[in-house]
Amino acid sequence: MGCNCGGGARGRATIYRLVLPNGVMRDYPTRQEAEAARQRSGGTVLVVNQ
């Protein structure tokens, strides 16, 4: 029997990357976590699709 795995379409994962003022990058699974970290440390939150 064949695979019924969505017709070969791959899902895309979205991560939220915090870029700190000193150039360090940290990835978070949710925007809420990234925004909380940004408020503590400063920097910019970027949305990254993988």
Protein backbone atom coordinates (compact mmCIF):
# COMPACT_ATOMS: atom_id res chain seq x y z
CA MET A 1 0.00 0.00 0.00
CA GLY A 2 1.26 3.48 -0.80
CA CYS A 3 2.10 6.21 1.63
CA ASN A 4 -0.65 8.66 2.47
CA CYS A 5 1.63 11.47 3.62
CA GLY A 6 0.10 14.56 2.08
CA GLY A 7 1.05 14.17 -1.55
CA GLY A 8 4.71 15.03 -1.07
CA ALA A 9 4.06 18.58 0.11
CA ARG A 10 6.47 19.44 2.89
CA GLY A 11 5.31 21.62 5.74
CA ARG A 12 7.29 24.71 6.53
CA ALA A 13 8.46 25.40 10.05
CA THR A 14 8.42 28.98 11.28
CA ILE A 15 10.91 30.07 13.88
CA TYR A 16 11.45 33.47 15.44
CA ARG A 17 15.05 34.66 15.49
CA LEU A 18 16.16 37.29 17.95
CA VAL A 19 19.20 39.24 16.76
CA LEU A 20 20.82 40.94 19.74
CA PRO A 21 22.72 44.24 19.46
CA ASN A 22 26.05 42.41 19.85
CA GLY A 23 25.27 40.18 16.84
CA VAL A 24 24.29 37.03 18.74
CA MET A 25 21.28 35.21 17.26
CA ARG A 26 18.84 33.07 19.25
CA ASP A 27 15.94 31.06 17.85
CA TYR A 28 12.57 30.65 19.57
CA PRO A 29 9.62 28.41 18.62
CA THR A 30 6.97 31.08 19.34
CA ARG A 31 6.71 34.79 18.73
CA GLN A 32 5.66 35.32 22.34
CA GLU A 33 8.93 33.85 23.64
CA ALA A 34 10.98 35.87 21.15
CA GLU A 35 9.21 39.12 22.07
CA ALA A 36 9.70 38.47 25.80
CA ALA A 37 13.42 37.91 25.24
CA ARG A 38 13.59 41.05 23.07
CA GLN A 39 12.04 43.12 25.85
CA ARG A 40 14.66 41.84 28.29
CA SER A 41 17.69 42.17 26.00
CA GLY A 42 16.83 44.49 23.14
CA GLY A 43 17.44 43.60 19.54
CA THR A 44 15.20 42.66 16.63
CA VAL A 45 12.90 39.70 16.03
CA LEU A 46 12.92 38.17 12.54
CA VAL A 47 10.52 35.53 11.19
CA VAL A 48 12.38 32.67 9.51
CA ASN A 49 10.67 29.97 7.42
CA GLN A 50 12.56 26.70 7.17
